[in-house]
C-alpha atoms as a PDB file:
ATOM      1  CA  MET A   1      42.194 -54.022  19.956  1.00  0.00           C
ATOM      2  CA  ILE A   2      38.395 -55.167  20.235  1.00  0.00           C
ATOM      3  CA  THR A   3      37.983 -58.445  21.833  1.00  0.00           C
ATOM      4  CA  ALA A   4      35.978 -61.280  20.553  1.00  0.00           C
ATOM      5  CA  ALA A   5      33.399 -60.853  23.414  1.00  0.00           C
ATOM      6  CA  ARG A   6      32.937 -57.224  22.754  1.00  0.00           C
ATOM      7  CA  ILE A   7      32.526 -57.676  18.945  1.00  0.00           C
ATOM      8  CA  LYS A   8      30.007 -60.522  19.671  1.00  0.00           C
ATOM      9  CA  GLN A   9      27.979 -57.821  21.942  1.00  0.00           C
ATOM     10  CA  ILE A  10      27.840 -55.186  19.625  1.00  0.00           C
ATOM     11  CA  LYS A  11      26.724 -57.425  16.797  1.00  0.00           C
ATOM     12  CA  SER A  12      23.980 -58.625  18.911  1.00  0.00           C
ATOM     13  CA  LEU A  13      22.559 -55.076  19.033  1.00  0.00           C
ATOM     14  CA  THR A  14      21.043 -55.641  15.588  1.00  0.00           C
ATOM     15  CA  GLN A  15      18.436 -57.709  17.468  1.00  0.00           C
ATOM     16  CA  LYS A  16      15.641 -56.266  19.198  1.00  0.00           C
ATOM     17  CA  LYS A  17      15.673 -58.342  22.353  1.00  0.00           C
ATOM     18  CA  PHE A  18      19.781 -57.821  22.932  1.00  0.00           C
ATOM     19  CA  ARG A  19      18.973 -53.864  22.607  1.00  0.00           C
ATOM     20  CA  LYS A  20      16.369 -54.057  25.179  1.00  0.00           C
ATOM     21  CA  GLU A  21      18.284 -56.161  27.434  1.00  0.00           C
ATOM     22  CA  LEU A  22      21.544 -53.944  27.230  1.00  0.00           C
ATOM     23  CA  GLY A  23      19.807 -50.700  26.620  1.00  0.00           C
ATOM     24  CA  LEU A  24      21.755 -49.863  23.757  1.00  0.00           C
ATOM     25  CA  PHE A  25      21.617 -49.100  20.259  1.00  0.00           C
ATOM     26  CA  VAL A  26      24.125 -48.232  17.470  1.00  0.00           C
ATOM     27  CA  VAL A  27      24.717 -45.122  15.424  1.00  0.00           C
ATOM     28  CA  GLU A  28      26.980 -45.076  12.705  1.00  0.00           C
ATOM     29  CA  GLY A  29      28.727 -42.394  10.381  1.00  0.00           C
ATOM     30  CA  GLU A  30      30.516 -39.365  10.852  1.00  0.00           C
ATOM     31  CA  LYS A  31      27.556 -36.910  10.490  1.00  0.00           C
ATOM     32  CA  ALA A  32      25.299 -38.733  12.955  1.00  0.00           C
ATOM     33  CA  VAL A  33      27.931 -39.371  15.736  1.00  0.00           C
ATOM     34  CA  ASN A  34      29.222 -35.777  15.413  1.00  0.00           C
ATOM     35  CA  GLU A  35      25.586 -34.408  15.691  1.00  0.00           C
ATOM     36  CA  LEU A  36      25.283 -36.907  18.636  1.00  0.00           C
ATOM     37  CA  LEU A  37      28.080 -35.265  20.368  1.00  0.00           C
ATOM     38  CA  LEU A  38      26.260 -31.924  20.404  1.00  0.00           C
ATOM     39  CA  HIS A  39      23.167 -33.491  21.796  1.00  0.00           C
ATOM     40  CA  LYS A  40      22.786 -33.076  25.791  1.00  0.00           C
ATOM     41  CA  ASN A  41      19.756 -35.351  25.512  1.00  0.00           C
ATOM     42  CA  TRP A  42      21.711 -38.303  24.154  1.00  0.00           C
ATOM     43  CA  GLU A  43      24.006 -40.373  26.395  1.00  0.00           C
ATOM     44  CA  ILE A  44      26.960 -41.792  24.412  1.00  0.00           C
ATOM     45  CA  ASN A  45      28.016 -45.201  25.856  1.00  0.00           C
ATOM     46  CA  HIS A  46      31.311 -45.737  23.756  1.00  0.00           C
ATOM     47  CA  ILE A  47      32.854 -44.779  20.468  1.00  0.00           C
ATOM     48  CA  PHE A  48      34.709 -46.823  18.245  1.00  0.00           C
ATOM     49  CA  ALA A  49      36.620 -44.887  15.523  1.00  0.00           C
ATOM     50  CA  LEU A  50      39.533 -44.777  13.052  1.00  0.00           C
ATOM     51  CA  GLU A  51      42.479 -42.836  13.483  1.00  0.00           C
ATOM     52  CA  SER A  52      41.582 -40.454  10.850  1.00  0.00           C
ATOM     53  CA  TRP A  53      38.420 -39.611  12.562  1.00  0.00           C
ATOM     54  CA  LEU A  54      39.991 -39.323  16.267  1.00  0.00           C
ATOM     55  CA  ASN A  55      42.332 -36.822  14.530  1.00  0.00           C
ATOM     56  CA  GLU A  56      39.765 -34.665  13.631  1.00  0.00           C
ATOM     57  CA  ASN A  57      37.348 -34.729  16.423  1.00  0.00           C
ATOM     58  CA  VAL A  58      37.110 -33.954  20.073  1.00  0.00           C
ATOM     59  CA  ILE A  59      35.547 -36.589  22.429  1.00  0.00           C
ATOM     60  CA  PRO A  60      34.526 -35.134  25.700  1.00  0.00           C
ATOM     61  CA  GLY A  61      36.455 -36.636  28.514  1.00  0.00           C
ATOM     62  CA  ASN A  62      33.554 -38.564  30.007  1.00  0.00           C
ATOM     63  CA  ILE A  63      32.849 -40.671  26.839  1.00  0.00           C
ATOM     64  CA  PRO A  64      35.013 -43.743  26.521  1.00  0.00           C
ATOM     65  CA  PHE A  65      36.509 -44.795  23.162  1.00  0.00           C
ATOM     66  CA  ASP A  66      38.734 -47.110  21.476  1.00  0.00           C
ATOM     67  CA  ARG A  67      40.762 -46.366  18.354  1.00  0.00           C
ATOM     68  CA  VAL A  68      40.113 -49.273  15.846  1.00  0.00           C
ATOM     69  CA  SER A  69      41.491 -50.417  12.423  1.00  0.00           C
ATOM     70  CA  GLY A  70      39.276 -50.317   9.382  1.00  0.00           C
ATOM     71  CA  LYS A  71      39.123 -54.222   9.625  1.00  0.00           C
ATOM     72  CA  GLU A  72      37.915 -54.121  13.191  1.00  0.00           C
ATOM     73  CA  LEU A  73      35.321 -51.568  12.437  1.00  0.00           C
ATOM     74  CA  SER A  74      33.916 -53.776   9.414  1.00  0.00           C
ATOM     75  CA  ARG A  75      33.489 -56.372  11.880  1.00  0.00           C
ATOM     76  CA  ILE A  76      31.395 -54.597  14.279  1.00  0.00           C
ATOM     77  CA  SER A  77      29.441 -52.648  11.519  1.00  0.00           C
ATOM     78  CA  SER A  78      26.107 -53.619   9.880  1.00  0.00           C
ATOM     79  CA  LEU A  79      26.930 -51.395   6.835  1.00  0.00           C
ATOM     80  CA  THR A  80      27.929 -52.844   3.665  1.00  0.00           C
ATOM     81  CA  THR A  81      30.641 -50.159   3.574  1.00  0.00           C
ATOM     82  CA  PRO A  82      31.434 -49.056   7.110  1.00  0.00           C
ATOM     83  CA  ASN A  83      32.092 -45.352   7.751  1.00  0.00           C
ATOM     84  CA  SER A  84      34.822 -43.982  10.012  1.00  0.00           C
ATOM     85  CA  VAL A  85      33.011 -44.173  13.248  1.00  0.00           C
ATOM     86  CA  LEU A  86      30.465 -46.240  15.259  1.00  0.00           C
ATOM     87  CA  ALA A  87      28.763 -45.066  18.506  1.00  0.00           C
ATOM     88  CA  LEU A  88      26.988 -47.061  21.513  1.00  0.00           C
ATOM     89  CA  VAL A  89      24.191 -45.130  22.680  1.00  0.00           C
ATOM     90  CA  ASN A  90      21.904 -45.592  25.712  1.00  0.00           C
ATOM     91  CA  ILE A  91      18.349 -45.912  24.871  1.00  0.00           C
ATOM     92  CA  PRO A  92      16.616 -42.799  26.497  1.00  0.00           C
ATOM     93  CA  GLU A  93      13.517 -43.390  28.720  1.00  0.00           C
ATOM     94  CA  TRP A  94      10.778 -41.356  27.591  1.00  0.00           C
ATOM     95  CA  ASP A  95       7.064 -40.764  29.308  1.00  0.00           C
ATOM     96  CA  ILE A  96       4.262 -40.631  26.787  1.00  0.00           C
ATOM     97  CA  ARG A  97       2.281 -39.080  29.559  1.00  0.00           C
ATOM     98  CA  ASN A  98       4.376 -35.797  28.453  1.00  0.00           C
ATOM     99  CA  VAL A  99       3.032 -36.055  24.965  1.00  0.00           C
ATOM    100  CA  ASN A 100      -0.133 -33.236  24.594  1.00  0.00           C
ATOM    101  CA  PRO A 101      -1.710 -33.874  21.093  1.00  0.00           C
ATOM    102  CA  SER A 102      -3.950 -30.912  22.239  1.00  0.00           C
ATOM    103  CA  ILE A 103      -1.302 -28.377  21.098  1.00  0.00           C
ATOM    104  CA  ASP A 104       0.349 -29.622  18.002  1.00  0.00           C
ATOM    105  CA  ILE A 105      -0.153 -32.259  15.244  1.00  0.00           C
ATOM    106  CA  THR A 106       1.162 -35.869  16.688  1.00  0.00           C
ATOM    107  CA  LEU A 107       1.847 -38.521  14.298  1.00  0.00           C
ATOM    108  CA  MET A 108       0.615 -42.066  15.030  1.00  0.00           C
ATOM    109  CA  LEU A 109       1.905 -44.999  13.224  1.00  0.00           C
ATOM    110  CA  ASP A 110      -0.322 -48.480  13.089  1.00  0.00           C
ATOM    111  CA  ASN A 111       1.967 -51.511  12.129  1.00  0.00           C
ATOM    112  CA  ILE A 112       4.614 -50.013  10.023  1.00  0.00           C
ATOM    113  CA  GLN A 113       7.059 -52.819   9.343  1.00  0.00           C
ATOM    114  CA  ASP A 114       9.635 -51.640   6.841  1.00  0.00           C
ATOM    115  CA  PRO A 115      12.666 -50.076   8.430  1.00  0.00           C
ATOM    116  CA  GLY A 116      13.173 -47.782   5.407  1.00  0.00           C
ATOM    117  CA  ASN A 117       9.751 -46.351   5.498  1.00  0.00           C
ATOM    118  CA  MET A 118      10.144 -45.790   9.274  1.00  0.00           C
ATOM    119  CA  GLY A 119      13.138 -43.974   9.033  1.00  0.00           C
ATOM    120  CA  THR A 120      11.644 -41.789   5.918  1.00  0.00           C
ATOM    121  CA  ILE A 121       8.595 -41.235   8.141  1.00  0.00           C
ATOM    122  CA  ILE A 122      10.927 -39.790  11.061  1.00  0.00           C
ATOM    123  CA  ARG A 123      12.632 -37.695   8.830  1.00  0.00           C
ATOM    124  CA  THR A 124       9.478 -36.224   7.290  1.00  0.00           C
ATOM    125  CA  ALA A 125       8.019 -35.619  10.711  1.00  0.00           C
ATOM    126  CA  ASP A 126      11.408 -33.858  11.735  1.00  0.00           C
ATOM    127  CA  TRP A 127      11.294 -31.738   8.443  1.00  0.00           C
ATOM    128  CA  PHE A 128       7.569 -30.571   9.395  1.00  0.00           C
ATOM    129  CA  GLY A 129       8.378 -30.109  13.040  1.00  0.00           C
ATOM    130  CA  ILE A 130       6.536 -32.861  14.346  1.00  0.00           C
ATOM    131  CA  ASP A 131       7.725 -33.330  17.867  1.00  0.00           C
ATOM    132  CA  ASN A 132       6.333 -36.827  18.886  1.00  0.00           C
ATOM    133  CA  ILE A 133       5.224 -40.231  16.978  1.00  0.00           C
ATOM    134  CA  ILE A 134       2.977 -42.769  18.932  1.00  0.00           C
ATOM    135  CA  CYS A 135       3.404 -46.242  17.287  1.00  0.00           C
ATOM    136  CA  SER A 136       1.513 -49.282  17.710  1.00  0.00           C
ATOM    137  CA  GLU A 137       3.528 -52.054  19.702  1.00  0.00           C
ATOM    138  CA  ASN A 138       3.956 -53.993  16.422  1.00  0.00           C
ATOM    139  CA  THR A 139       5.464 -51.190  14.542  1.00  0.00           C
ATOM    140  CA  VAL A 140       9.022 -51.793  13.749  1.00  0.00           C
ATOM    141  CA  GLU A 141      11.371 -50.487  16.445  1.00  0.00           C
ATOM    142  CA  VAL A 142      12.941 -47.043  16.217  1.00  0.00           C
ATOM    143  CA  PHE A 143      16.462 -48.397  17.464  1.00  0.00           C
ATOM    144  CA  ASN A 144      16.524 -50.851  14.546  1.00  0.00           C
ATOM    145  CA  PRO A 145      20.012 -50.024  12.846  1.00  0.00           C
ATOM    146  CA  LYS A 146      18.290 -49.867   9.574  1.00  0.00           C
ATOM    147  CA  VAL A 147      15.548 -47.407  11.002  1.00  0.00           C
ATOM    148  CA  ILE A 148      18.191 -45.398  12.612  1.00  0.00           C
ATOM    149  CA  GLN A 149      20.488 -45.179   9.303  1.00  0.00           C
ATOM    150  CA  ALA A 150      17.481 -44.372   7.167  1.00  0.00           C
ATOM    151  CA  THR A 151      16.392 -41.373   9.674  1.00  0.00           C
ATOM    152  CA  MET A 152      19.771 -39.446   8.493  1.00  0.00           C
ATOM    153  CA  GLY A 153      20.032 -38.075  12.170  1.00  0.00           C
ATOM    154  CA  SER A 154      16.283 -37.043  12.447  1.00  0.00           C
ATOM    155  CA  PHE A 155      15.713 -39.852  15.398  1.00  0.00           C
ATOM    156  CA  MET A 156      17.775 -37.212  17.555  1.00  0.00           C
ATOM    157  CA  ARG A 157      14.770 -34.512  17.266  1.00  0.00           C
ATOM    158  CA  VAL A 158      11.734 -36.873  17.034  1.00  0.00           C
ATOM    159  CA  LYS A 159      10.541 -38.652  20.325  1.00  0.00           C
ATOM    160  CA  VAL A 160       9.074 -42.209  19.250  1.00  0.00           C
ATOM    161  CA  PHE A 161       6.595 -43.984  21.888  1.00  0.00           C
ATOM    162  CA  TYR A 162       5.126 -47.394  21.460  1.00  0.00           C
ATOM    163  CA  THR A 163       1.770 -48.165  23.120  1.00  0.00           C
ATOM    164  CA  SER A 164      -1.859 -49.699  22.452  1.00  0.00           C
ATOM    165  CA  LEU A 165      -3.146 -47.151  20.000  1.00  0.00           C
ATOM    166  CA  LYS A 166      -6.637 -48.110  20.753  1.00  0.00           C
ATOM    167  CA  LYS A 167      -6.449 -47.732  24.511  1.00  0.00           C
ATOM    168  CA  TYR A 168      -4.458 -44.231  24.036  1.00  0.00           C
ATOM    169  CA  LEU A 169      -7.150 -42.985  21.627  1.00  0.00           C
ATOM    170  CA  GLU A 170     -10.014 -43.973  24.073  1.00  0.00           C
ATOM    171  CA  THR A 171      -8.542 -42.163  26.878  1.00  0.00           C
ATOM    172  CA  LEU A 172      -7.776 -38.784  25.205  1.00  0.00           C
ATOM    173  CA  PRO A 173      -8.630 -36.170  27.826  1.00  0.00           C
ATOM    174  CA  GLU A 174     -10.694 -34.150  25.414  1.00  0.00           C
ATOM    175  CA  PRO A 175     -12.202 -34.485  21.894  1.00  0.00           C
ATOM    176  CA  LEU A 176      -9.461 -33.960  19.218  1.00  0.00           C
ATOM    177  CA  PRO A 177      -9.312 -34.438  15.484  1.00  0.00           C
ATOM    178  CA  VAL A 178      -8.182 -37.937  14.794  1.00  0.00           C
ATOM    179  CA  MET A 179      -7.133 -37.862  11.026  1.00  0.00           C
ATOM    180  CA  GLY A 180      -6.713 -40.867   8.619  1.00  0.00           C
ATOM    181  CA  ALA A 181      -6.172 -41.122   5.039  1.00  0.00           C
ATOM    182  CA  MET A 182      -9.375 -43.064   3.222  1.00  0.00           C
ATOM    183  CA  LEU A 183     -10.988 -43.251   0.118  1.00  0.00           C
ATOM    184  CA  ASP A 184     -14.308 -41.984   1.323  1.00  0.00           C
ATOM    185  CA  GLY A 185     -12.440 -38.895   3.108  1.00  0.00           C
ATOM    186  CA  GLU A 186     -12.415 -35.053   2.610  1.00  0.00           C
ATOM    187  CA  ASN A 187     -10.630 -33.918  -0.421  1.00  0.00           C
ATOM    188  CA  LEU A 188      -7.332 -32.901   1.405  1.00  0.00           C
ATOM    189  CA  TYR A 189      -6.831 -29.824  -0.705  1.00  0.00           C
ATOM    190  CA  LYS A 190     -10.411 -28.473  -0.362  1.00  0.00           C
ATOM    191  CA  THR A 191     -11.141 -29.045   3.389  1.00  0.00           C
ATOM    192  CA  GLU A 192     -10.360 -26.715   6.454  1.00  0.00           C
ATOM    193  CA  LEU A 193      -7.407 -28.772   8.338  1.00  0.00           C
ATOM    194  CA  PRO A 194      -6.920 -28.608  12.166  1.00  0.00           C
ATOM    195  CA  ASP A 195      -3.835 -27.236  13.745  1.00  0.00           C
ATOM    196  CA  LYS A 196      -3.826 -29.744  16.277  1.00  0.00           C
ATOM    197  CA  GLY A 197      -4.730 -33.504  16.927  1.00  0.00           C
ATOM    198  CA  ILE A 198      -3.515 -36.875  15.621  1.00  0.00           C
ATOM    199  CA  LEU A 199      -2.742 -37.989  12.099  1.00  0.00           C
ATOM    200  CA  ILE A 200      -2.695 -41.766  11.705  1.00  0.00           C
ATOM    201  CA  THR A 201      -0.738 -43.667   9.251  1.00  0.00           C
ATOM    202  CA  GLY A 202      -1.290 -47.270   8.534  1.00  0.00           C
ATOM    203  CA  ASN A 203       0.406 -50.499   7.518  1.00  0.00           C
ATOM    204  CA  GLU A 204       2.197 -50.445   4.066  1.00  0.00           C
ATOM    205  CA  SER A 205      -0.242 -53.200   2.361  1.00  0.00           C
ATOM    206  CA  GLN A 206      -3.060 -53.455   5.058  1.00  0.00           C
ATOM    207  CA  GLY A 207      -3.493 -49.778   5.775  1.00  0.00           C
ATOM    208  CA  ILE A 208      -5.105 -48.601   9.020  1.00  0.00           C
ATOM    209  CA  SER A 209      -6.293 -51.361  11.226  1.00  0.00           C
ATOM    210  CA  ALA A 210     -10.176 -52.118  11.482  1.00  0.00           C
ATOM    211  CA  GLU A 211     -10.129 -51.239  15.361  1.00  0.00           C
ATOM    212  CA  ILE A 212      -8.356 -47.866  14.870  1.00  0.00           C
ATOM    213  CA  LEU A 213     -10.333 -47.127  11.901  1.00  0.00           C
ATOM    214  CA  LYS A 214     -13.334 -46.957  14.298  1.00  0.00           C
ATOM    215  CA  LEU A 215     -11.858 -44.134  16.161  1.00  0.00           C
ATOM    216  CA  ILE A 216     -11.070 -41.771  13.336  1.00  0.00           C
ATOM    217  CA  ASN A 217     -13.248 -38.714  13.285  1.00  0.00           C
ATOM    218  CA  ARG A 218     -11.653 -36.831  10.295  1.00  0.00           C
ATOM    219  CA  LYS A 219     -11.155 -38.949   7.170  1.00  0.00           C
ATOM    220  CA  ILE A 220      -9.030 -37.522   4.516  1.00  0.00           C
ATOM    221  CA  HIS A 221      -8.576 -38.290   0.951  1.00  0.00           C
ATOM    222  CA  ILE A 222      -5.252 -37.612  -0.928  1.00  0.00           C
ATOM    223  CA  PRO A 223      -7.082 -36.985  -4.680  1.00  0.00           C
ATOM    224  CA  LEU A 224      -5.754 -39.033  -7.529  1.00  0.00           C
ATOM    225  CA  PHE A 225      -4.566 -36.892 -10.661  1.00  0.00           C
ATOM    226  CA  HIS A 226      -6.174 -38.393 -13.647  1.00  0.00           C
ATOM    227  CA  LYS A 227      -4.181 -37.609 -16.598  1.00  0.00           C
ATOM    228  CA  ARG A 228      -5.991 -37.681 -19.964  1.00  0.00           C
ATOM    229  CA  GLY A 229      -5.551 -41.036 -21.776  1.00  0.00           C
ATOM    230  CA  LYS A 230      -3.949 -42.773 -19.100  1.00  0.00           C
ATOM    231  CA  THR A 231      -5.748 -45.999 -18.657  1.00  0.00           C
ATOM    232  CA  GLN A 232      -3.695 -47.482 -15.532  1.00  0.00           C
ATOM    233  CA  GLN A 233      -3.247 -45.683 -12.255  1.00  0.00           C
ATOM    234  CA  PRO A 234      -1.297 -46.594  -8.967  1.00  0.00           C
ATOM    235  CA  GLU A 235      -2.921 -48.750  -6.424  1.00  0.00           C
ATOM    236  CA  SER A 236      -1.835 -46.557  -3.572  1.00  0.00           C
ATOM    237  CA  LEU A 237       0.740 -44.459  -2.196  1.00  0.00           C
ATOM    238  CA  ASN A 238       3.639 -45.415  -0.296  1.00  0.00           C
ATOM    239  CA  ALA A 239       3.054 -44.939   3.541  1.00  0.00           C
ATOM    240  CA  GLY A 240       5.844 -42.390   3.983  1.00  0.00           C
ATOM    241  CA  VAL A 241       4.800 -40.571   0.826  1.00  0.00           C
ATOM    242  CA  ALA A 242       1.151 -40.219   1.919  1.00  0.00           C
ATOM    243  CA  THR A 243       2.234 -39.056   5.444  1.00  0.00           C
ATOM    244  CA  GLY A 244       4.549 -36.256   3.853  1.00  0.00           C
ATOM    245  CA  ILE A 245       1.737 -35.003   1.403  1.00  0.00           C
ATOM    246  CA  ILE A 246      -0.693 -34.669   4.492  1.00  0.00           C
ATOM    247  CA  LEU A 247       1.601 -33.172   6.869  1.00  0.00           C
ATOM    248  CA  SER A 248       2.837 -30.753   4.079  1.00  0.00           C
ATOM    249  CA  GLN A 249      -0.790 -29.601   3.576  1.00  0.00           C
ATOM    250  CA  LEU A 250      -1.451 -29.239   7.477  1.00  0.00           C
ATOM    251  CA  ARG A 251       1.582 -27.134   8.204  1.00  0.00           C
ATOM    252  CA  ASN A 252       0.795 -25.262   4.663  1.00  0.00           C
ATOM    253  CA  PHE A 253      -2.953 -24.548   5.772  1.00  0.00           C
ATOM    254  CA  ASN A 254      -2.039 -23.519   9.266  1.00  0.00           C
ATOM    255  CA  GLY A 255       1.056 -21.570   8.598  1.00  0.00           C
END
């Protein structure tokens, strides 16, 4: 049986300040937890699971776990319909100095706010083999439960860092392509694209901030397809969709 204090602690992890204070975040669902058990780079702090899940899965001896009822699981879950297992995971410590944009494409996010968008972008990055994402300090936190859920497990394969984007870009060790989607940019499908550098995705409604726009040296434009007779066109692309389109073309052009 889970104590009231333990339930309160787990529920507090929906808030960033408590995740930071406790050094923990929550992962829910059979697929995600099963994959976590296979990853040596992630340290599971504790597992709470239904009898049915425990009967079908083996937990390594060094990971503490509790057998819980469906009612108890619903009390600690942030999902509308709880799954059969929930894991508390230690937040890893990654060093941004190990990121090297000169050997591959590194994704950069400027003030992304929507957890669903963030999760989709991480999934998209994972799909296209992007290992690192560098975020502005005001971008939604990767360990937000809604972000973790939206990544569908991709958070395990993509490292996400937070820093001042301006300072980071200004201190790059060598001139590198810094790409951003802009209306006055080169046609994405008619220009030679680099195989290394940084691709910046801006805020859902405001786009890339003014101070970061000044540091972009490769403006890219996703052309709008004009259908004959169509009088109205969409205002803009969703941040996650735009990122996926550009990454697809980068990987397609460069094999």
